[in-house]
Structures are given as C-alpha cells and as structure tokens.
Amino acid sequence: MRIYGLELIRGLGITLWHFVASYTVGIRRTFAHRVRTQVRQRPSENGVFTVQYPEERLAVPERFRVLPVLIFDGKENEKWKQATERCTACGICAKVCPPQCIWIVQGKSPEGKPIPKASEFYIDVDVCMNCGLCAEFCPFDAIKMDQTFELGSDERRASHIFDIDKLHVSTDYYARTHPKAWAEEEAKRKAEADKKAAAAAAGKAQG
C-alpha cells in the first residue's frame, strides 16, 4: 500500500489553517465590536459560521418559498378590505393544488349574484407542500409564495388554518421581500399597458 505523505501533510495543513483562522475571525469580531443582525455562509469565507439563532439569522434568498399569500394593491400597514384586491375567486389555484389544501368561497352581491371576489379563502398550512403551483398558474398575480418560515405552535386547528385575513399581504410588502420579481412584474405590466394605449391611439387615429 502506497502512502502519499505529501498529500497527507497538505491535507492536515489545510485543516490546521481553518482551525487557526476560526479563532482569528472570532478575535477580529470581538475587537471590531460589530453586532451582526444577519449572516450569510459563503464558500469563500473563513472562520466559524455558527448562527446564533434567533439573535442572528441567515439571509433568506428571494426565491425561498414557504406558504402562499394573497396580494392586494396597497401599503404594508393598510387593511386589505380598504384596498384593491387581485383575487377574483376563479378557483384555478385550488384546482392545480396537488394536496388540495385551498378552499375558496366566491363572494356574492346583495342581490345574491356571484361577483369576482372571494368572501372566504382558506389554506391548511400543514397540508401545503410549498410547491408554488398556485402562484405560477394564477392569471391575476393575486397569489404569491411568502418567505415566513417560523410557523411553530402548540396546536394546529386554529393557528394552522390560515383564513383570508391572515393570508392577505400588500404589494408594498411583496415589493420589499421580492424586489427582483416585483421589478420584472411591474416592467411587464407597464409594457402591456403601453401596448394597449398605443393600440387605442392607433384606433382613434384611423377612426
């Protein structure tokens, strides 16, 4: 059996270097008096990467998805009933949901006629598989995947069935948590609006 002594020494040297570097990084942090609210582990970084949760938290990637939420056009501290809702209760999200964890009740007018609005919207968070198909197939950009993952509780019946009030979040909130996706969607909506305006102007000019 052939022993590669040089490679063995080099491997031990790398291990020793990381061991020493972990202590030097700790010393640098101590003397710098820096309080970190968020940390991110990267292959190029050296030192100890232990996250002191919940005081320290890993930065969540924008595409990280947990549970669906309903979007309304408004500010973050605004009530969804006072703003413009996007959901029309079409039911596509419930149809494409693999575990069938979405329940929707379509709203009705005072005369009893169906209206494009959900009066009730429920998601069983324990059944949801976080696949994102509901958000992908929604034709009105009314349902998106949120990043909130701290959902633990000591019971499941009341707190793990999210109703329409708990599911609604504003476009202001979505723009803050998903800046790249929001910018792309806004650019797409603006392009479509400009196209419609140009078509309308051309029609008036021909008329």
N, C-alpha and C. Protein backbone atom coordinates (compact mmCIF):
# COMPACT_ATOMS: atom_id res chain seq x y z
N MET A 1 0.84 -1.20 0.00
CA MET A 1 0.00 0.00 0.00
C MET A 1 0.88 1.25 0.00
N ARG A 2 0.61 2.09 -0.95
CA ARG A 2 1.44 3.29 -1.11
C ARG A 2 0.84 4.45 -0.32
N ILE A 3 1.62 5.13 0.48
CA ILE A 3 1.17 6.25 1.29
C ILE A 3 1.66 7.54 0.66
N TYR A 4 0.74 8.45 0.38
CA TYR A 4 1.09 9.73 -0.20
C TYR A 4 1.35 10.71 0.95
N GLY A 5 2.55 10.74 1.45
CA GLY A 5 2.89 11.56 2.61
C GLY A 5 2.70 13.03 2.37
N LEU A 6 3.08 13.50 1.19
CA LEU A 6 2.97 14.92 0.90
C LEU A 6 1.52 15.37 0.90
N GLU A 7 0.64 14.59 0.26
CA GLU A 7 -0.78 14.93 0.22
C GLU A 7 -1.39 14.89 1.62
N LEU A 8 -0.94 13.93 2.44
CA LEU A 8 -1.44 13.83 3.81
C LEU A 8 -1.05 15.06 4.61
N ILE A 9 0.18 15.50 4.45
CA ILE A 9 0.65 16.69 5.16
C ILE A 9 -0.10 17.93 4.69
N ARG A 10 -0.32 18.02 3.39
CA ARG A 10 -1.05 19.17 2.86
C ARG A 10 -2.48 19.21 3.39
N GLY A 11 -3.14 18.06 3.46
CA GLY A 11 -4.49 18.00 3.98
C GLY A 11 -4.56 18.39 5.44
N LEU A 12 -3.60 17.91 6.23
CA LEU A 12 -3.55 18.29 7.63
C LEU A 12 -3.26 19.78 7.80
N GLY A 13 -2.45 20.31 6.89
CA GLY A 13 -2.15 21.74 6.94
C GLY A 13 -3.38 22.58 6.67
N ILE A 14 -4.20 22.16 5.70
CA ILE A 14 -5.44 22.89 5.40
C ILE A 14 -6.38 22.86 6.61
N THR A 15 -6.49 21.69 7.24
CA THR A 15 -7.33 21.57 8.43
C THR A 15 -6.83 22.47 9.55
N LEU A 16 -5.50 22.48 9.76
CA LEU A 16 -4.92 23.33 10.79
C LEU A 16 -5.13 24.80 10.49
N TRP A 17 -5.01 25.17 9.21
CA TRP A 17 -5.19 26.57 8.82
C TRP A 17 -6.63 27.03 9.11
N HIS A 18 -7.61 26.22 8.78
CA HIS A 18 -9.00 26.57 9.06
C HIS A 18 -9.25 26.64 10.57
N PHE A 19 -8.61 25.76 11.30
CA PHE A 19 -8.76 25.75 12.76
C PHE A 19 -8.25 27.06 13.36
N VAL A 20 -7.06 27.49 12.95
CA VAL A 20 -6.48 28.74 13.46
C VAL A 20 -7.29 29.93 12.97
N ALA A 21 -7.71 29.89 11.69
CA ALA A 21 -8.47 31.02 11.13
C ALA A 21 -9.78 31.23 11.85
N SER A 22 -10.40 30.15 12.34
CA SER A 22 -11.67 30.30 13.05
C SER A 22 -11.48 31.12 14.32
N TYR A 23 -10.37 30.96 15.00
CA TYR A 23 -10.12 31.73 16.21
C TYR A 23 -9.75 33.17 15.90
N THR A 24 -9.01 33.39 14.82
CA THR A 24 -8.65 34.76 14.46
C THR A 24 -9.87 35.56 14.03
N VAL A 25 -10.81 34.91 13.33
CA VAL A 25 -12.04 35.60 12.95
C VAL A 25 -12.82 35.99 14.20
N GLY A 26 -12.88 35.11 15.20
CA GLY A 26 -13.57 35.43 16.44
C GLY A 26 -12.93 36.59 17.16
N ILE A 27 -11.59 36.64 17.15
CA ILE A 27 -10.88 37.75 17.80
C ILE A 27 -11.15 39.06 17.07
N ARG A 28 -11.14 39.01 15.73
CA ARG A 28 -11.42 40.22 14.96
C ARG A 28 -12.82 40.75 15.24
N ARG A 29 -13.78 39.83 15.34
CA ARG A 29 -15.14 40.26 15.65
C ARG A 29 -15.23 40.90 17.03
N THR A 30 -14.46 40.34 17.98
CA THR A 30 -14.50 40.87 19.35
C THR A 30 -13.96 42.29 19.40
N PHE A 31 -12.83 42.53 18.73
CA PHE A 31 -12.21 43.86 18.78
C PHE A 31 -12.93 44.86 17.89
N ALA A 32 -13.64 44.37 16.88
CA ALA A 32 -14.35 45.29 15.99
C ALA A 32 -15.65 45.79 16.61
N HIS A 33 -16.14 45.09 17.65
CA HIS A 33 -17.37 45.49 18.34
C HIS A 33 -18.53 45.58 17.35
N ARG A 34 -18.61 44.63 16.45
CA ARG A 34 -19.69 44.64 15.48
C ARG A 34 -20.82 43.72 15.94
N VAL A 35 -22.02 44.21 15.86
CA VAL A 35 -23.20 43.40 16.18
C VAL A 35 -23.85 43.01 14.86
N ARG A 36 -23.83 41.73 14.56
CA ARG A 36 -24.38 41.26 13.30
C ARG A 36 -25.85 40.87 13.49
N THR A 37 -26.70 41.42 12.67
CA THR A 37 -28.11 41.04 12.70
C THR A 37 -28.40 39.95 11.67
N GLN A 38 -27.60 39.88 10.63
CA GLN A 38 -27.75 38.85 9.62
C GLN A 38 -26.38 38.35 9.20
N VAL A 39 -26.28 37.07 8.95
CA VAL A 39 -25.04 36.49 8.46
C VAL A 39 -25.37 35.62 7.27
N ARG A 40 -24.37 35.38 6.45
CA ARG A 40 -24.56 34.51 5.30
C ARG A 40 -23.31 33.68 5.11
N GLN A 41 -23.48 32.40 4.99
CA GLN A 41 -22.35 31.48 4.86
C GLN A 41 -21.98 31.34 3.39
N ARG A 42 -20.71 31.65 3.08
CA ARG A 42 -20.23 31.57 1.70
C ARG A 42 -18.99 30.69 1.67
N PRO A 43 -18.76 29.99 0.55
CA PRO A 43 -17.57 29.14 0.46
C PRO A 43 -16.26 29.90 0.58
N SER A 44 -16.26 31.19 0.21
CA SER A 44 -15.03 31.97 0.24
C SER A 44 -14.71 32.52 1.62
N GLU A 45 -15.64 32.43 2.56
CA GLU A 45 -15.41 32.97 3.90
C GLU A 45 -14.70 31.96 4.78
N ASN A 46 -13.95 32.48 5.75
CA ASN A 46 -13.23 31.64 6.70
C ASN A 46 -13.77 31.85 8.10
N GLY A 47 -13.49 30.88 8.97
CA GLY A 47 -13.87 31.06 10.35
C GLY A 47 -15.07 30.23 10.75
N VAL A 48 -15.59 30.50 11.93
CA VAL A 48 -16.74 29.78 12.46
C VAL A 48 -18.01 30.38 11.89
N PHE A 49 -18.89 29.54 11.37
CA PHE A 49 -20.12 30.01 10.73
C PHE A 49 -21.35 29.67 11.54
N THR A 50 -21.20 29.35 12.81
CA THR A 50 -22.35 29.03 13.64
C THR A 50 -23.26 30.24 13.77
N VAL A 51 -24.54 30.04 13.48
CA VAL A 51 -25.52 31.12 13.56
C VAL A 51 -26.18 31.09 14.92
N GLN A 52 -26.08 32.18 15.66
CA GLN A 52 -26.67 32.27 16.99
C GLN A 52 -28.15 32.64 16.86
N TYR A 53 -28.93 31.66 16.41
CA TYR A 53 -30.36 31.89 16.19
C TYR A 53 -31.08 31.96 17.54
N PRO A 54 -32.03 32.86 17.76
CA PRO A 54 -32.62 33.80 16.79
C PRO A 54 -31.97 35.17 16.75
N GLU A 55 -30.91 35.38 17.53
CA GLU A 55 -30.25 36.70 17.51
C GLU A 55 -29.63 36.95 16.13
N GLU A 56 -29.06 35.92 15.52
CA GLU A 56 -28.51 36.01 14.18
C GLU A 56 -29.35 35.13 13.25
N ARG A 57 -29.53 35.61 12.03
CA ARG A 57 -30.34 34.87 11.07
C ARG A 57 -29.65 34.85 9.72
N LEU A 58 -29.78 33.73 9.04
CA LEU A 58 -29.28 33.65 7.68
C LEU A 58 -30.14 34.50 6.76
N ALA A 59 -29.50 35.15 5.81
CA ALA A 59 -30.24 35.94 4.84
C ALA A 59 -31.05 34.99 3.95
N VAL A 60 -32.34 35.24 3.85
CA VAL A 60 -33.23 34.36 3.07
C VAL A 60 -33.16 34.76 1.60
N PRO A 61 -32.88 33.84 0.69
CA PRO A 61 -32.89 34.18 -0.74
C PRO A 61 -34.28 34.62 -1.20
N GLU A 62 -34.32 35.44 -2.22
CA GLU A 62 -35.60 35.97 -2.68
C GLU A 62 -36.53 34.86 -3.16
N ARG A 63 -36.00 33.84 -3.81
CA ARG A 63 -36.83 32.76 -4.35
C ARG A 63 -37.21 31.72 -3.30
N PHE A 64 -36.77 31.90 -2.07
CA PHE A 64 -37.15 30.98 -0.99
C PHE A 64 -38.66 31.06 -0.78
N ARG A 65 -39.33 29.93 -0.79
CA ARG A 65 -40.79 29.93 -0.69
C ARG A 65 -41.25 29.01 0.42
N VAL A 66 -42.31 29.45 1.12
CA VAL A 66 -42.89 28.66 2.20
C VAL A 66 -44.38 28.48 1.94
N LEU A 67 -45.18 29.50 2.26
CA LEU A 67 -46.63 29.39 2.13
C LEU A 67 -47.17 30.44 1.17
N PRO A 68 -48.29 30.15 0.53
CA PRO A 68 -48.91 31.15 -0.35
C PRO A 68 -49.54 32.28 0.44
N VAL A 69 -49.58 33.46 -0.17
CA VAL A 69 -50.27 34.62 0.39
C VAL A 69 -51.06 35.28 -0.73
N LEU A 70 -52.09 36.04 -0.33
CA LEU A 70 -52.92 36.78 -1.28
C LEU A 70 -52.44 38.23 -1.34
N ILE A 71 -52.30 38.75 -2.56
CA ILE A 71 -51.77 40.09 -2.76
C ILE A 71 -52.92 41.08 -2.98
N PHE A 72 -52.83 42.22 -2.33
CA PHE A 72 -53.73 43.34 -2.63
C PHE A 72 -52.88 44.58 -2.90
N ASP A 73 -53.40 45.46 -3.73
CA ASP A 73 -52.68 46.68 -4.10
C ASP A 73 -52.82 47.71 -2.99
N GLY A 74 -51.77 47.91 -2.24
CA GLY A 74 -51.82 48.86 -1.14
C GLY A 74 -50.51 48.89 -0.37
N LYS A 75 -50.52 49.63 0.74
CA LYS A 75 -49.34 49.76 1.57
C LYS A 75 -49.32 48.67 2.63
N GLU A 76 -48.15 48.50 3.26
CA GLU A 76 -47.93 47.37 4.14
C GLU A 76 -48.82 47.41 5.39
N ASN A 77 -49.10 48.58 5.91
CA ASN A 77 -49.91 48.69 7.13
C ASN A 77 -51.39 48.94 6.81
N GLU A 78 -51.77 48.78 5.57
CA GLU A 78 -53.15 49.03 5.15
C GLU A 78 -53.98 47.75 5.23
N LYS A 79 -55.25 47.87 5.51
CA LYS A 79 -56.15 46.72 5.56
C LYS A 79 -56.56 46.33 4.13
N TRP A 80 -56.61 45.03 3.89
CA TRP A 80 -56.92 44.57 2.53
C TRP A 80 -58.34 44.94 2.11
N LYS A 81 -59.25 45.06 3.06
CA LYS A 81 -60.64 45.41 2.72
C LYS A 81 -60.75 46.85 2.24
N GLN A 82 -59.75 47.68 2.56
CA GLN A 82 -59.78 49.08 2.16
C GLN A 82 -58.98 49.33 0.88
N ALA A 83 -58.43 48.28 0.30
CA ALA A 83 -57.59 48.42 -0.90
C ALA A 83 -58.20 47.59 -2.05
N THR A 84 -57.48 47.54 -3.15
CA THR A 84 -57.94 46.81 -4.33
C THR A 84 -57.41 45.38 -4.28
N GLU A 85 -58.32 44.43 -4.25
CA GLU A 85 -57.92 43.03 -4.24
C GLU A 85 -57.62 42.54 -5.65
N ARG A 86 -56.73 41.59 -5.74
CA ARG A 86 -56.43 41.00 -7.03
C ARG A 86 -57.17 39.68 -7.26
N CYS A 87 -57.46 38.96 -6.18
CA CYS A 87 -58.10 37.66 -6.30
C CYS A 87 -59.54 37.83 -6.80
N THR A 88 -59.91 37.05 -7.83
CA THR A 88 -61.26 37.09 -8.39
C THR A 88 -62.04 35.82 -8.07
N ALA A 89 -61.49 34.97 -7.20
CA ALA A 89 -62.15 33.72 -6.81
C ALA A 89 -62.39 32.81 -8.01
N CYS A 90 -61.44 32.83 -8.97
CA CYS A 90 -61.60 31.98 -10.15
C CYS A 90 -61.41 30.50 -9.82
N GLY A 91 -60.66 30.21 -8.76
CA GLY A 91 -60.50 28.83 -8.31
C GLY A 91 -59.41 28.05 -9.00
N ILE A 92 -58.61 28.69 -9.84
CA ILE A 92 -57.55 27.97 -10.55
C ILE A 92 -56.50 27.45 -9.57
N CYS A 93 -56.17 28.26 -8.55
CA CYS A 93 -55.16 27.84 -7.58
C CYS A 93 -55.61 26.58 -6.84
N ALA A 94 -56.91 26.51 -6.50
CA ALA A 94 -57.42 25.33 -5.81
C ALA A 94 -57.43 24.11 -6.72
N LYS A 95 -57.66 24.31 -8.01
CA LYS A 95 -57.71 23.19 -8.95
C LYS A 95 -56.33 22.59 -9.19
N VAL A 96 -55.30 23.44 -9.28
CA VAL A 96 -53.96 22.93 -9.58
C VAL A 96 -53.20 22.49 -8.34
N CYS A 97 -53.73 22.76 -7.14
CA CYS A 97 -53.04 22.41 -5.91
C CYS A 97 -52.97 20.88 -5.76
N PRO A 98 -51.77 20.29 -5.75
CA PRO A 98 -51.66 18.83 -5.66
C PRO A 98 -52.27 18.23 -4.39
N PRO A 99 -52.02 18.79 -3.19
CA PRO A 99 -52.62 18.19 -1.99
C PRO A 99 -54.02 18.72 -1.66
N GLN A 100 -54.55 19.61 -2.51
CA GLN A 100 -55.90 20.16 -2.32
C GLN A 100 -56.06 20.80 -0.92
N CYS A 101 -55.18 21.75 -0.63
CA CYS A 101 -55.21 22.40 0.68
C CYS A 101 -55.85 23.77 0.64
N ILE A 102 -56.41 24.18 -0.52
CA ILE A 102 -57.00 25.51 -0.67
C ILE A 102 -58.51 25.39 -0.81
N TRP A 103 -59.23 26.19 -0.05
CA TRP A 103 -60.69 26.26 -0.14
C TRP A 103 -61.09 27.70 -0.40
N ILE A 104 -61.96 27.91 -1.37
CA ILE A 104 -62.39 29.25 -1.75
C ILE A 104 -63.91 29.29 -1.81
N VAL A 105 -64.48 30.37 -1.28
CA VAL A 105 -65.92 30.63 -1.39
C VAL A 105 -66.08 31.95 -2.15
N GLN A 106 -66.75 31.90 -3.29
CA GLN A 106 -66.92 33.10 -4.09
C GLN A 106 -67.90 34.05 -3.44
N GLY A 107 -67.59 35.34 -3.53
CA GLY A 107 -68.45 36.35 -2.94
C GLY A 107 -69.72 36.56 -3.75
N LYS A 108 -70.72 37.15 -3.12
CA LYS A 108 -72.00 37.43 -3.77
C LYS A 108 -72.42 38.86 -3.48
N SER A 109 -73.14 39.42 -4.43
CA SER A 109 -73.67 40.77 -4.28
C SER A 109 -74.88 40.76 -3.36
N PRO A 110 -75.35 41.92 -2.91
CA PRO A 110 -76.56 41.94 -2.08
C PRO A 110 -77.76 41.28 -2.75
N GLU A 111 -77.75 41.23 -4.09
CA GLU A 111 -78.84 40.58 -4.81
C GLU A 111 -78.65 39.06 -4.92
N GLY A 112 -77.51 38.57 -4.42
CA GLY A 112 -77.26 37.14 -4.46
C GLY A 112 -76.54 36.65 -5.70
N LYS A 113 -76.06 37.56 -6.54
CA LYS A 113 -75.36 37.17 -7.76
C LYS A 113 -73.86 37.02 -7.47
N PRO A 114 -73.19 36.04 -8.10
CA PRO A 114 -71.74 35.86 -7.90
C PRO A 114 -70.96 37.08 -8.39
N ILE A 115 -69.95 37.46 -7.64
CA ILE A 115 -69.07 38.58 -8.00
C ILE A 115 -67.63 38.08 -8.03
N PRO A 116 -66.75 38.73 -8.81
CA PRO A 116 -65.34 38.30 -8.89
C PRO A 116 -64.54 38.68 -7.66
N LYS A 117 -64.89 38.07 -6.56
CA LYS A 117 -64.23 38.37 -5.29
C LYS A 117 -64.43 37.19 -4.35
N ALA A 118 -63.41 36.85 -3.58
CA ALA A 118 -63.51 35.74 -2.63
C ALA A 118 -64.03 36.26 -1.28
N SER A 119 -65.10 35.66 -0.81
CA SER A 119 -65.61 36.01 0.52
C SER A 119 -64.90 35.21 1.60
N GLU A 120 -64.42 34.02 1.24
CA GLU A 120 -63.66 33.17 2.16
C GLU A 120 -62.54 32.51 1.38
N PHE A 121 -61.39 32.39 2.04
CA PHE A 121 -60.21 31.78 1.41
C PHE A 121 -59.40 31.13 2.53
N TYR A 122 -59.22 29.82 2.44
CA TYR A 122 -58.52 29.08 3.49
C TYR A 122 -57.38 28.26 2.90
N ILE A 123 -56.30 28.15 3.65
CA ILE A 123 -55.17 27.27 3.30
C ILE A 123 -54.76 26.51 4.55
N ASP A 124 -54.73 25.19 4.44
CA ASP A 124 -54.23 24.35 5.54
C ASP A 124 -52.72 24.27 5.40
N VAL A 125 -52.01 24.95 6.29
CA VAL A 125 -50.55 25.05 6.16
C VAL A 125 -49.86 23.72 6.43
N ASP A 126 -50.52 22.82 7.15
CA ASP A 126 -49.91 21.52 7.41
C ASP A 126 -50.02 20.59 6.21
N VAL A 127 -50.94 20.88 5.31
CA VAL A 127 -51.12 20.06 4.12
C VAL A 127 -50.32 20.63 2.95
N CYS A 128 -50.16 21.96 2.93
CA CYS A 128 -49.45 22.62 1.82
C CYS A 128 -48.04 22.06 1.67
N MET A 129 -47.67 21.73 0.43
CA MET A 129 -46.36 21.16 0.14
C MET A 129 -45.39 22.20 -0.42
N ASN A 130 -45.77 23.49 -0.39
CA ASN A 130 -44.88 24.60 -0.77
C ASN A 130 -44.36 24.48 -2.20
N CYS A 131 -45.17 23.93 -3.08
CA CYS A 131 -44.72 23.71 -4.46
C CYS A 131 -44.75 24.98 -5.29
N GLY A 132 -45.65 25.91 -4.98
CA GLY A 132 -45.74 27.17 -5.71
C GLY A 132 -46.57 27.11 -6.98
N LEU A 133 -47.27 25.99 -7.24
CA LEU A 133 -48.08 25.89 -8.46
C LEU A 133 -49.23 26.88 -8.44
N CYS A 134 -49.79 27.14 -7.27
CA CYS A 134 -50.90 28.10 -7.18
C CYS A 134 -50.46 29.48 -7.65
N ALA A 135 -49.26 29.90 -7.23
CA ALA A 135 -48.74 31.20 -7.64
C ALA A 135 -48.36 31.21 -9.12
N GLU A 136 -47.89 30.09 -9.62
CA GLU A 136 -47.46 30.02 -11.02
C GLU A 136 -48.64 30.09 -11.97
N PHE A 137 -49.78 29.49 -11.60
CA PHE A 137 -50.92 29.43 -12.50
C PHE A 137 -51.92 30.56 -12.30
N CYS A 138 -51.76 31.37 -11.27
CA CYS A 138 -52.71 32.46 -11.02
C CYS A 138 -52.64 33.48 -12.17
N PRO A 139 -53.75 33.72 -12.88
CA PRO A 139 -53.70 34.64 -14.03
C PRO A 139 -53.71 36.11 -13.64
N PHE A 140 -53.92 36.42 -12.37
CA PHE A 140 -54.03 37.81 -11.94
C PHE A 140 -52.91 38.23 -11.00
N ASP A 141 -51.88 37.41 -10.84
CA ASP A 141 -50.78 37.69 -9.91
C ASP A 141 -51.33 37.98 -8.51
N ALA A 142 -52.38 37.26 -8.13
CA ALA A 142 -53.03 37.51 -6.84
C ALA A 142 -52.49 36.63 -5.73
N ILE A 143 -51.79 35.57 -6.07
CA ILE A 143 -51.26 34.67 -5.04
C ILE A 143 -49.77 34.48 -5.27
N LYS A 144 -49.00 34.66 -4.21
CA LYS A 144 -47.55 34.56 -4.28
C LYS A 144 -47.05 33.69 -3.13
N MET A 145 -45.80 33.27 -3.22
CA MET A 145 -45.19 32.46 -2.16
C MET A 145 -44.43 33.37 -1.21
N ASP A 146 -44.75 33.28 0.07
CA ASP A 146 -44.12 34.10 1.08
C ASP A 146 -42.86 33.41 1.62
N GLN A 147 -42.07 34.14 2.40
CA GLN A 147 -40.81 33.63 2.93
C GLN A 147 -40.86 33.33 4.43
N THR A 148 -41.97 33.60 5.09
CA THR A 148 -42.07 33.39 6.53
C THR A 148 -42.09 31.90 6.84
N PHE A 149 -41.12 31.45 7.65
CA PHE A 149 -41.00 30.02 7.93
C PHE A 149 -41.18 29.68 9.41
N GLU A 150 -41.24 30.66 10.28
CA GLU A 150 -41.40 30.40 11.71
C GLU A 150 -42.89 30.27 12.03
N LEU A 151 -43.40 29.07 11.88
CA LEU A 151 -44.84 28.83 11.99
C LEU A 151 -45.19 27.83 13.09
N GLY A 152 -44.24 27.54 13.97
CA GLY A 152 -44.48 26.55 15.01
C GLY A 152 -45.50 27.02 16.03
N SER A 153 -46.30 26.10 16.53
CA SER A 153 -47.29 26.39 17.56
C SER A 153 -47.59 25.11 18.33
N ASP A 154 -48.33 25.23 19.42
CA ASP A 154 -48.62 24.07 20.24
C ASP A 154 -49.95 23.41 19.88
N GLU A 155 -50.63 23.89 18.85
CA GLU A 155 -51.85 23.25 18.36
C GLU A 155 -52.01 23.58 16.88
N ARG A 156 -52.89 22.85 16.17
CA ARG A 156 -52.97 23.01 14.73
C ARG A 156 -54.34 23.45 14.23
N ARG A 157 -55.39 23.30 14.98
CA ARG A 157 -56.72 23.57 14.43
C ARG A 157 -56.97 25.06 14.19
N ALA A 158 -56.62 25.89 15.12
CA ALA A 158 -56.91 27.32 14.99
C ALA A 158 -55.80 28.07 14.27
N SER A 159 -54.55 27.77 14.59
CA SER A 159 -53.44 28.56 14.07
C SER A 159 -52.87 28.04 12.76
N HIS A 160 -53.18 26.81 12.37
CA HIS A 160 -52.61 26.25 11.14
C HIS A 160 -53.59 26.24 9.98
N ILE A 161 -54.77 26.78 10.17
CA ILE A 161 -55.70 27.01 9.07
C ILE A 161 -55.75 28.51 8.83
N PHE A 162 -55.06 28.97 7.80
CA PHE A 162 -54.98 30.40 7.51
C PHE A 162 -56.24 30.85 6.77
N ASP A 163 -56.90 31.90 7.28
CA ASP A 163 -58.09 32.42 6.62
C ASP A 163 -57.71 33.60 5.73
N ILE A 164 -58.71 34.22 5.14
CA ILE A 164 -58.46 35.27 4.16
C ILE A 164 -57.79 36.50 4.80
N ASP A 165 -58.10 36.78 6.06
CA ASP A 165 -57.47 37.91 6.74
C ASP A 165 -55.99 37.67 7.00
N LYS A 166 -55.66 36.43 7.34
CA LYS A 166 -54.27 36.10 7.63
C LYS A 166 -53.43 35.94 6.37
N LEU A 167 -54.07 35.65 5.25
CA LEU A 167 -53.35 35.40 4.01
C LEU A 167 -53.04 36.67 3.24
N HIS A 168 -53.80 37.73 3.43
CA HIS A 168 -53.62 38.94 2.64
C HIS A 168 -52.36 39.71 3.06
N VAL A 169 -51.56 40.07 2.08
CA VAL A 169 -50.40 40.96 2.26
C VAL A 169 -50.43 42.00 1.14
N SER A 170 -49.81 43.13 1.37
CA SER A 170 -49.86 44.23 0.41
C SER A 170 -48.77 44.09 -0.65
N THR A 171 -48.96 44.81 -1.76
CA THR A 171 -47.92 44.87 -2.78
C THR A 171 -46.68 45.56 -2.25
N ASP A 172 -46.85 46.45 -1.30
CA ASP A 172 -45.72 47.12 -0.66
C ASP A 172 -44.83 46.09 0.06
N TYR A 173 -45.47 45.16 0.77
CA TYR A 173 -44.74 44.09 1.45
C TYR A 173 -44.06 43.17 0.43
N TYR A 174 -44.78 42.81 -0.62
CA TYR A 174 -44.22 41.92 -1.64
C TYR A 174 -43.04 42.57 -2.36
N ALA A 175 -43.12 43.86 -2.64
CA ALA A 175 -42.02 44.56 -3.29
C ALA A 175 -40.78 44.60 -2.41
N ARG A 176 -40.98 44.63 -1.10
CA ARG A 176 -39.84 44.66 -0.18
C ARG A 176 -39.19 43.29 -0.05
N THR A 177 -39.98 42.23 -0.02
CA THR A 177 -39.43 40.88 0.15
C THR A 177 -38.98 40.25 -1.16
N HIS A 178 -39.55 40.70 -2.29
CA HIS A 178 -39.20 40.14 -3.60
C HIS A 178 -38.91 41.27 -4.59
N PRO A 179 -37.85 42.03 -4.37
CA PRO A 179 -37.60 43.22 -5.21
C PRO A 179 -37.37 42.90 -6.68
N LYS A 180 -36.63 41.83 -6.97
CA LYS A 180 -36.36 41.49 -8.38
C LYS A 180 -37.62 41.04 -9.10
N ALA A 181 -38.37 40.14 -8.47
CA ALA A 181 -39.61 39.66 -9.08
C ALA A 181 -40.61 40.79 -9.26
N TRP A 182 -40.70 41.69 -8.27
CA TRP A 182 -41.62 42.81 -8.36
C TRP A 182 -41.24 43.74 -9.50
N ALA A 183 -39.95 44.02 -9.66
CA ALA A 183 -39.50 44.89 -10.74
C ALA A 183 -39.81 44.28 -12.11
N GLU A 184 -39.60 42.98 -12.24
CA GLU A 184 -39.91 42.31 -13.51
C GLU A 184 -41.41 42.35 -13.80
N GLU A 185 -42.24 42.10 -12.80
CA GLU A 185 -43.68 42.12 -13.00
C GLU A 185 -44.17 43.52 -13.34
N GLU A 186 -43.62 44.53 -12.67
CA GLU A 186 -44.03 45.90 -12.96
C GLU A 186 -43.63 46.31 -14.37
N ALA A 187 -42.43 45.89 -14.80
CA ALA A 187 -41.99 46.21 -16.16
C ALA A 187 -42.89 45.53 -17.20
N LYS A 188 -43.30 44.31 -16.91
CA LYS A 188 -44.19 43.59 -17.81
C LYS A 188 -45.56 44.25 -17.88
N ARG A 189 -46.09 44.65 -16.72
CA ARG A 189 -47.39 45.32 -16.70
C ARG A 189 -47.34 46.67 -17.42
N LYS A 190 -46.23 47.38 -17.24
CA LYS A 190 -46.09 48.68 -17.92
C LYS A 190 -46.02 48.49 -19.43
N ALA A 191 -45.30 47.46 -19.88
CA ALA A 191 -45.20 47.20 -21.31
C ALA A 191 -46.57 46.85 -21.90
N GLU A 192 -47.35 46.05 -21.17
CA GLU A 192 -48.68 45.70 -21.66
C GLU A 192 -49.60 46.92 -21.70
N ALA A 193 -49.49 47.78 -20.66
CA ALA A 193 -50.31 48.99 -20.64
C ALA A 193 -49.94 49.93 -21.78
N ASP A 194 -48.64 50.07 -22.05
CA ASP A 194 -48.20 50.93 -23.16
C ASP A 194 -48.67 50.37 -24.50
N LYS A 195 -48.67 49.05 -24.62
CA LYS A 195 -49.12 48.42 -25.86
C LYS A 195 -50.60 48.67 -26.10
N LYS A 196 -51.40 48.56 -25.02
CA LYS A 196 -52.83 48.82 -25.14
C LYS A 196 -53.10 50.29 -25.46
N ALA A 197 -52.34 51.18 -24.82
CA ALA A 197 -52.51 52.60 -25.08
C ALA A 197 -52.15 52.95 -26.52
N ALA A 198 -51.08 52.33 -27.02
CA ALA A 198 -50.69 52.58 -28.41
C ALA A 198 -51.74 52.06 -29.38
N ALA A 199 -52.30 50.89 -29.07
CA ALA A 199 -53.34 50.32 -29.93
C ALA A 199 -54.59 51.19 -29.92
N ALA A 200 -54.95 51.72 -28.74
CA ALA A 200 -56.11 52.59 -28.64
C ALA A 200 -55.90 53.90 -29.40
N ALA A 201 -54.67 54.45 -29.28
CA ALA A 201 -54.36 55.67 -30.00
C ALA A 201 -54.40 55.45 -31.51
N ALA A 202 -53.89 54.30 -31.97
CA ALA A 202 -53.92 53.99 -33.40
C ALA A 202 -55.36 53.83 -33.89
N GLY A 203 -56.20 53.22 -33.04
CA GLY A 203 -57.61 53.07 -33.44
C GLY A 203 -58.32 54.41 -33.57
N LYS A 204 -58.02 55.34 -32.66
CA LYS A 204 -58.64 56.66 -32.74
C LYS A 204 -58.14 57.41 -33.98
N ALA A 205 -56.85 57.23 -34.28
CA ALA A 205 -56.30 57.92 -35.44
C ALA A 205 -56.92 57.42 -36.73
N GLN A 206 -57.19 56.13 -36.81
CA GLN A 206 -57.83 55.59 -38.02
C GLN A 206 -59.30 55.96 -38.11
N GLY A 207 -59.95 56.11 -36.91
CA GLY A 207 -61.36 56.47 -36.91
C GLY A 207 -61.55 57.93 -37.28
